[in-house]
Structures are given as C-alpha cells and as structure tokens.
Amino acid sequence: MKKIFTIITIGILAFAAKAQNNLEVHVGIGTSSHQENMVKTANHTLYNAVMPRSENLGQTYITSGPIRLGIRSHENKHFILGAEFNYSNIEVINKIGSDVIRVNFVNYTLMASTQYKYIDKPKFILYSGLDFGVSYATAKNQDTKVKANDLAAAYQANLMGFRYGSQLGFFGELGFGYNGFLSGGLFYRLD
C-alpha cells in the first residue's frame, strides 16, 4: 500500500512540476462503477476465488466510492490533461441460513486523464473525455481468510462533464467505467 501512495505522489509532483500554469487539484466521489457492477453480476475476476458457494445465498452490498483524487492541467482552450487515483471498496454480505460471511473487494486505480472542452468560459466548462490506466484489485473472504489479487486495465469514458467556478468550484460527470456512472466533487485551481 505504501508503494502505491509513493508512486502516486511522485507522479503527481512530476506532473505538477511540468505543468505550473492552469493546474487544478480535484477530489470527488462516484456511483455505479465498473468494479461495483462486476461484483454484483459475479463477473469480477476475483469473484470465484473468494466467494462462498451455495444455492441459497442471499447477498447485500455496501459500496464506498470510487473516491477520487487527481490533478489536471488546462493545456489550452480545448484540452485538459491529468492524472487521477481512485479507491473503491465493495463489501458483500452473504447470508447462508443463519451464517453471515463478509467478502471485501478493494480496487486501487491510477489513470491518465484526457478531456476535450466544448465550452471554455471563465466560470463554466463543458467537456467529454477518456481516462485510461491500471487497477490493482484485492479480495478477501473474512470467514475463510482466503485472499486474492489481480491487476487489470482501467478506463473511464466521460460522455459529458461540467465544471463551475473560477478558482474554487465543483464538477459533475456522466459516463461509465472505473469512476462511476455519475461522479462529482470539488476542484481548486492552483494558478
């Protein structure tokens, strides 16, 4: 875990040193992410390794995230480039009769971000974009203590996004992938 945060910190600092102008930091949260949908449909790559097997299985899901932290540079009137880290945790509570078995799926995702601005006004930006990168997934069955992990390609396609505010503001995005179907948060421009 410390290695992941060290790599992210070095990457963000290197990006910040390169792009001093028009730099912003953002933090946000999303819903209905690719990771969550894969767990709920039993298609997650780690699902069969950690889930209990039973025909009379009742499941409840508790989802945290994806929680996003990133940095972006407004390169010109039309393009935004950046990098982003997100964390998601999906806990599955399995009920088999009177037994309860908890399984956690955690994803740590690092993606490069590219966005095209359709409208670029001082307080309002309308854009679409594509993010791509890598996601490290871990899963653990709390009952059997079985653990598994996997590394996979990550993506986010933002069909439509907006930013409102000049130096401090908020953003919202509609898309699909590792940041979720709906996503939003706050940003702060450093320049």
C-alpha atoms as a PDB file:
ATOM      1  CA  MET A   1       0.000   0.000   0.000  1.00  0.00           C
ATOM      2  CA  LYS A   2       2.831   2.421   0.840  1.00  0.00           C
ATOM      3  CA  LYS A   3       4.403   1.717  -2.563  1.00  0.00           C
ATOM      4  CA  ILE A   4       1.191   2.694  -4.355  1.00  0.00           C
ATOM      5  CA  PHE A   5       0.939   6.009  -2.491  1.00  0.00           C
ATOM      6  CA  THR A   6       4.651   6.717  -3.083  1.00  0.00           C
ATOM      7  CA  ILE A   7       4.256   6.128  -6.828  1.00  0.00           C
ATOM      8  CA  ILE A   8       1.141   8.319  -6.940  1.00  0.00           C
ATOM      9  CA  THR A   9       2.847  11.126  -5.004  1.00  0.00           C
ATOM     10  CA  ILE A  10       5.914  11.068  -7.259  1.00  0.00           C
ATOM     11  CA  GLY A  11       3.698  11.073 -10.354  1.00  0.00           C
ATOM     12  CA  ILE A  12       1.610  13.994  -9.147  1.00  0.00           C
ATOM     13  CA  LEU A  13       4.698  16.013  -8.151  1.00  0.00           C
ATOM     14  CA  ALA A  14       6.351  15.349 -11.527  1.00  0.00           C
ATOM     15  CA  PHE A  15       3.183  16.379 -13.325  1.00  0.00           C
ATOM     16  CA  ALA A  16       2.871  19.497 -11.151  1.00  0.00           C
ATOM     17  CA  ALA A  17       6.492  20.494 -11.864  1.00  0.00           C
ATOM     18  CA  LYS A  18       5.899  20.169 -15.620  1.00  0.00           C
ATOM     19  CA  ALA A  19       2.568  21.987 -15.732  1.00  0.00           C
ATOM     20  CA  GLN A  20       2.863  25.035 -13.494  1.00  0.00           C
ATOM     21  CA  ASN A  21       0.178  27.059 -15.303  1.00  0.00           C
ATOM     22  CA  ASN A  22      -3.555  26.327 -15.233  1.00  0.00           C
ATOM     23  CA  LEU A  23      -3.142  23.494 -12.737  1.00  0.00           C
ATOM     24  CA  GLU A  24      -6.021  22.222 -10.606  1.00  0.00           C
ATOM     25  CA  VAL A  25      -6.451  19.614  -7.906  1.00  0.00           C
ATOM     26  CA  HIS A  26      -9.751  17.774  -7.589  1.00  0.00           C
ATOM     27  CA  VAL A  27     -11.406  15.402  -5.165  1.00  0.00           C
ATOM     28  CA  GLY A  28     -14.663  13.591  -5.811  1.00  0.00           C
ATOM     29  CA  ILE A  29     -16.827  10.521  -5.462  1.00  0.00           C
ATOM     30  CA  GLY A  30     -18.707   8.385  -7.970  1.00  0.00           C
ATOM     31  CA  THR A  31     -21.557   5.863  -8.028  1.00  0.00           C
ATOM     32  CA  SER A  32     -22.313   2.707 -10.044  1.00  0.00           C
ATOM     33  CA  SER A  33     -18.719   1.999 -11.029  1.00  0.00           C
ATOM     34  CA  HIS A  34     -17.433  -0.785 -13.286  1.00  0.00           C
ATOM     35  CA  GLN A  35     -15.929  -2.517 -10.234  1.00  0.00           C
ATOM     36  CA  GLU A  36     -19.252  -2.494  -8.350  1.00  0.00           C
ATOM     37  CA  ASN A  37     -21.204  -3.780 -11.363  1.00  0.00           C
ATOM     38  CA  MET A  38     -18.697  -6.593 -11.932  1.00  0.00           C
ATOM     39  CA  VAL A  39     -19.059  -7.766  -8.305  1.00  0.00           C
ATOM     40  CA  LYS A  40     -22.881  -7.575  -8.386  1.00  0.00           C
ATOM     41  CA  THR A  41     -23.064  -9.581 -11.627  1.00  0.00           C
ATOM     42  CA  ALA A  42     -20.475 -12.131 -10.378  1.00  0.00           C
ATOM     43  CA  ASN A  43     -18.110 -11.238 -13.253  1.00  0.00           C
ATOM     44  CA  HIS A  44     -15.252  -9.784 -11.182  1.00  0.00           C
ATOM     45  CA  THR A  45     -12.005 -11.656 -11.898  1.00  0.00           C
ATOM     46  CA  LEU A  46     -11.558 -12.479  -8.184  1.00  0.00           C
ATOM     47  CA  TYR A  47     -15.190 -13.441  -7.517  1.00  0.00           C
ATOM     48  CA  ASN A  48     -14.857 -17.242  -7.748  1.00  0.00           C
ATOM     49  CA  ALA A  49     -11.652 -17.274  -5.675  1.00  0.00           C
ATOM     50  CA  VAL A  50     -13.183 -15.725  -2.538  1.00  0.00           C
ATOM     51  CA  MET A  51     -16.986 -16.059  -2.615  1.00  0.00           C
ATOM     52  CA  PRO A  52     -18.761 -18.830  -0.698  1.00  0.00           C
ATOM     53  CA  ARG A  53     -20.551 -21.399  -2.809  1.00  0.00           C
ATOM     54  CA  SER A  54     -24.215 -22.029  -2.050  1.00  0.00           C
ATOM     55  CA  GLU A  55     -27.505 -22.115  -3.939  1.00  0.00           C
ATOM     56  CA  ASN A  56     -29.374 -20.464  -1.038  1.00  0.00           C
ATOM     57  CA  LEU A  57     -27.132 -17.404  -0.916  1.00  0.00           C
ATOM     58  CA  GLY A  58     -28.635 -14.023  -0.033  1.00  0.00           C
ATOM     59  CA  GLN A  59     -26.372 -11.054  -0.745  1.00  0.00           C
ATOM     60  CA  THR A  60     -26.289  -7.420   0.400  1.00  0.00           C
ATOM     61  CA  TYR A  61     -23.802  -4.865  -0.978  1.00  0.00           C
ATOM     62  CA  ILE A  62     -22.166  -1.917   0.776  1.00  0.00           C
ATOM     63  CA  THR A  63     -20.130   0.307  -1.538  1.00  0.00           C
ATOM     64  CA  SER A  64     -17.591   3.037  -0.769  1.00  0.00           C
ATOM     65  CA  GLY A  65     -16.519   5.066  -3.739  1.00  0.00           C
ATOM     66  CA  PRO A  66     -14.923   5.298  -6.072  1.00  0.00           C
ATOM     67  CA  ILE A  67     -13.288   8.106  -4.112  1.00  0.00           C
ATOM     68  CA  ARG A  68     -11.181  10.198  -6.486  1.00  0.00           C
ATOM     69  CA  LEU A  69      -8.103  12.384  -6.082  1.00  0.00           C
ATOM     70  CA  GLY A  70      -6.398  13.934  -9.076  1.00  0.00           C
ATOM     71  CA  ILE A  71      -4.512  16.746 -10.689  1.00  0.00           C
ATOM     72  CA  ARG A  72      -5.218  18.321 -14.075  1.00  0.00           C
ATOM     73  CA  SER A  73      -3.685  20.929 -16.338  1.00  0.00           C
ATOM     74  CA  HIS A  74      -5.699  23.105 -18.707  1.00  0.00           C
ATOM     75  CA  GLU A  75      -3.292  22.868 -21.646  1.00  0.00           C
ATOM     76  CA  ASN A  76      -5.149  25.262 -23.952  1.00  0.00           C
ATOM     77  CA  LYS A  77      -8.667  26.365 -24.848  1.00  0.00           C
ATOM     78  CA  HIS A  78      -9.709  22.830 -25.795  1.00  0.00           C
ATOM     79  CA  PHE A  79      -7.653  20.259 -23.863  1.00  0.00           C
ATOM     80  CA  ILE A  80      -7.260  19.176 -20.238  1.00  0.00           C
ATOM     81  CA  LEU A  81      -4.640  16.543 -19.351  1.00  0.00           C
ATOM     82  CA  GLY A  82      -4.085  14.972 -15.968  1.00  0.00           C
ATOM     83  CA  ALA A  83      -3.682  12.002 -13.670  1.00  0.00           C
ATOM     84  CA  GLU A  84      -6.029  10.516 -11.126  1.00  0.00           C
ATOM     85  CA  PHE A  85      -6.100   7.951  -8.333  1.00  0.00           C
ATOM     86  CA  ASN A  86      -9.299   6.353  -7.118  1.00  0.00           C
ATOM     87  CA  TYR A  87     -10.209   3.916  -4.370  1.00  0.00           C
ATOM     88  CA  SER A  88     -13.307   1.748  -4.183  1.00  0.00           C
ATOM     89  CA  ASN A  89     -14.431  -0.832  -1.645  1.00  0.00           C
ATOM     90  CA  ILE A  90     -17.348  -3.197  -2.227  1.00  0.00           C
ATOM     91  CA  GLU A  91     -18.349  -5.309   0.766  1.00  0.00           C
ATOM     92  CA  VAL A  92     -20.600  -8.279   0.044  1.00  0.00           C
ATOM     93  CA  ILE A  93     -22.551  -9.650   2.997  1.00  0.00           C
ATOM     94  CA  ASN A  94     -23.510 -13.243   2.212  1.00  0.00           C
ATOM     95  CA  LYS A  95     -26.289 -14.885   4.229  1.00  0.00           C
ATOM     96  CA  ILE A  96     -26.472 -18.653   4.123  1.00  0.00           C
ATOM     97  CA  GLY A  97     -29.173 -19.677   6.577  1.00  0.00           C
ATOM     98  CA  SER A  98     -28.108 -18.094   9.881  1.00  0.00           C
ATOM     99  CA  ASP A  99     -24.442 -17.755   8.828  1.00  0.00           C
ATOM    100  CA  VAL A 100     -23.069 -14.413   7.649  1.00  0.00           C
ATOM    101  CA  ILE A 101     -19.903 -14.310   5.528  1.00  0.00           C
ATOM    102  CA  ARG A 102     -18.355 -10.983   4.553  1.00  0.00           C
ATOM    103  CA  VAL A 103     -16.193 -10.558   1.455  1.00  0.00           C
ATOM    104  CA  ASN A 104     -14.378  -7.307   0.568  1.00  0.00           C
ATOM    105  CA  PHE A 105     -13.351  -6.261  -2.946  1.00  0.00           C
ATOM    106  CA  VAL A 106     -10.952  -3.280  -2.974  1.00  0.00           C
ATOM    107  CA  ASN A 107      -9.661  -1.518  -6.093  1.00  0.00           C
ATOM    108  CA  TYR A 108      -6.767   0.971  -6.279  1.00  0.00           C
ATOM    109  CA  THR A 109      -6.848   2.628  -9.689  1.00  0.00           C
ATOM    110  CA  LEU A 110      -4.394   5.021 -11.348  1.00  0.00           C
ATOM    111  CA  MET A 111      -5.408   6.603 -14.664  1.00  0.00           C
ATOM    112  CA  ALA A 112      -4.210   9.244 -17.109  1.00  0.00           C
ATOM    113  CA  SER A 113      -6.957  11.703 -17.997  1.00  0.00           C
ATOM    114  CA  THR A 114      -7.690  13.425 -21.315  1.00  0.00           C
ATOM    115  CA  GLN A 115     -10.603  15.775 -21.847  1.00  0.00           C
ATOM    116  CA  TYR A 116     -11.859  17.897 -24.714  1.00  0.00           C
ATOM    117  CA  LYS A 117     -13.570  21.184 -23.795  1.00  0.00           C
ATOM    118  CA  TYR A 118     -16.585  22.185 -25.916  1.00  0.00           C
ATOM    119  CA  ILE A 119     -17.220  25.330 -23.894  1.00  0.00           C
ATOM    120  CA  ASP A 120     -14.431  27.130 -22.007  1.00  0.00           C
ATOM    121  CA  LYS A 121     -15.748  30.186 -20.184  1.00  0.00           C
ATOM    122  CA  PRO A 122     -14.102  31.762 -17.103  1.00  0.00           C
ATOM    123  CA  LYS A 123     -16.596  30.109 -14.707  1.00  0.00           C
ATOM    124  CA  PHE A 124     -18.098  27.289 -16.784  1.00  0.00           C
ATOM    125  CA  ILE A 125     -16.505  24.433 -18.756  1.00  0.00           C
ATOM    126  CA  LEU A 126     -18.375  21.705 -20.658  1.00  0.00           C
ATOM    127  CA  TYR A 127     -16.309  18.678 -21.758  1.00  0.00           C
ATOM    128  CA  SER A 128     -16.087  14.987 -22.672  1.00  0.00           C
ATOM    129  CA  GLY A 129     -13.130  12.740 -22.048  1.00  0.00           C
ATOM    130  CA  LEU A 130     -11.405   9.417 -21.808  1.00  0.00           C
ATOM    131  CA  ASP A 131      -9.265   8.149 -18.925  1.00  0.00           C
ATOM    132  CA  PHE A 132      -7.112   5.032 -19.095  1.00  0.00           C
ATOM    133  CA  GLY A 133      -4.725   3.281 -16.739  1.00  0.00           C
ATOM    134  CA  VAL A 134      -4.354   0.324 -14.410  1.00  0.00           C
ATOM    135  CA  SER A 135      -6.305  -1.039 -11.431  1.00  0.00           C
ATOM    136  CA  TYR A 136      -4.975  -3.251  -8.652  1.00  0.00           C
ATOM    137  CA  ALA A 137      -7.776  -5.336  -7.122  1.00  0.00           C
ATOM    138  CA  THR A 138      -7.719  -7.294  -3.876  1.00  0.00           C
ATOM    139  CA  ALA A 139     -10.425  -9.512  -2.430  1.00  0.00           C
ATOM    140  CA  LYS A 140     -10.673 -11.197   0.959  1.00  0.00           C
ATOM    141  CA  ASN A 141     -13.166 -13.625   2.432  1.00  0.00           C
ATOM    142  CA  GLN A 142     -13.380 -12.614   6.113  1.00  0.00           C
ATOM    143  CA  ASP A 143     -14.603 -16.088   7.157  1.00  0.00           C
ATOM    144  CA  THR A 144     -12.067 -18.333   5.413  1.00  0.00           C
ATOM    145  CA  LYS A 145      -9.309 -15.660   5.264  1.00  0.00           C
ATOM    146  CA  VAL A 146      -8.796 -16.540   1.576  1.00  0.00           C
ATOM    147  CA  LYS A 147      -7.198 -13.619  -0.300  1.00  0.00           C
ATOM    148  CA  ALA A 148      -6.694 -12.954  -3.984  1.00  0.00           C
ATOM    149  CA  ASN A 149      -5.405 -10.072  -6.096  1.00  0.00           C
ATOM    150  CA  ASP A 150      -5.292  -9.054  -9.728  1.00  0.00           C
ATOM    151  CA  LEU A 151      -4.006  -6.288 -11.995  1.00  0.00           C
ATOM    152  CA  ALA A 152      -6.239  -5.105 -14.838  1.00  0.00           C
ATOM    153  CA  ALA A 153      -6.592  -2.315 -17.374  1.00  0.00           C
ATOM    154  CA  ALA A 154      -8.825   0.548 -16.185  1.00  0.00           C
ATOM    155  CA  TYR A 155     -10.849   3.074 -18.145  1.00  0.00           C
ATOM    156  CA  GLN A 156     -13.419   5.831 -17.808  1.00  0.00           C
ATOM    157  CA  ALA A 157     -15.403   7.332 -20.681  1.00  0.00           C
ATOM    158  CA  ASN A 158     -16.990  10.636 -19.686  1.00  0.00           C
ATOM    159  CA  LEU A 159     -19.814  11.323 -22.098  1.00  0.00           C
ATOM    160  CA  MET A 160     -20.495  14.750 -20.609  1.00  0.00           C
ATOM    161  CA  GLY A 161     -18.907  16.695 -17.792  1.00  0.00           C
ATOM    162  CA  PHE A 162     -19.011  20.229 -16.468  1.00  0.00           C
ATOM    163  CA  ARG A 163     -17.006  22.446 -14.138  1.00  0.00           C
ATOM    164  CA  TYR A 164     -18.431  25.521 -12.466  1.00  0.00           C
ATOM    165  CA  GLY A 165     -16.295  28.060 -10.632  1.00  0.00           C
ATOM    166  CA  SER A 166     -13.147  30.009 -11.284  1.00  0.00           C
ATOM    167  CA  GLN A 167     -10.531  29.190  -8.626  1.00  0.00           C
ATOM    168  CA  LEU A 168     -12.694  27.019  -6.353  1.00  0.00           C
ATOM    169  CA  GLY A 169     -15.674  25.160  -7.758  1.00  0.00           C
ATOM    170  CA  PHE A 170     -17.448  21.903  -8.334  1.00  0.00           C
ATOM    171  CA  PHE A 171     -17.682  19.416 -11.188  1.00  0.00           C
ATOM    172  CA  GLY A 172     -20.059  16.686 -12.329  1.00  0.00           C
ATOM    173  CA  GLU A 173     -19.614  13.905 -14.879  1.00  0.00           C
ATOM    174  CA  LEU A 174     -21.857  11.387 -16.622  1.00  0.00           C
ATOM    175  CA  GLY A 175     -20.024   8.376 -18.031  1.00  0.00           C
ATOM    176  CA  PHE A 176     -19.089   4.754 -17.462  1.00  0.00           C
ATOM    177  CA  GLY A 177     -16.047   2.941 -16.141  1.00  0.00           C
ATOM    178  CA  TYR A 178     -13.879   2.957 -13.036  1.00  0.00           C
ATOM    179  CA  ASN A 179     -15.029   6.428 -11.796  1.00  0.00           C
ATOM    180  CA  GLY A 180     -18.711   5.512 -11.995  1.00  0.00           C
ATOM    181  CA  PHE A 181     -21.850   6.371 -13.940  1.00  0.00           C
ATOM    182  CA  LEU A 182     -22.372   9.594 -12.004  1.00  0.00           C
ATOM    183  CA  SER A 183     -19.422  11.364 -10.442  1.00  0.00           C
ATOM    184  CA  GLY A 184     -18.805  14.742  -8.897  1.00  0.00           C
ATOM    185  CA  GLY A 185     -16.753  16.722  -6.454  1.00  0.00           C
ATOM    186  CA  LEU A 186     -14.721  19.849  -5.819  1.00  0.00           C
ATOM    187  CA  PHE A 187     -11.738  21.373  -7.597  1.00  0.00           C
ATOM    188  CA  TYR A 188      -9.229  24.050  -6.721  1.00  0.00           C
ATOM    189  CA  ARG A 189      -7.174  25.919  -9.356  1.00  0.00           C
ATOM    190  CA  LEU A 190      -3.591  26.494  -8.166  1.00  0.00           C
ATOM    191  CA  ASP A 191      -2.698  29.358 -10.512  1.00  0.00           C
END
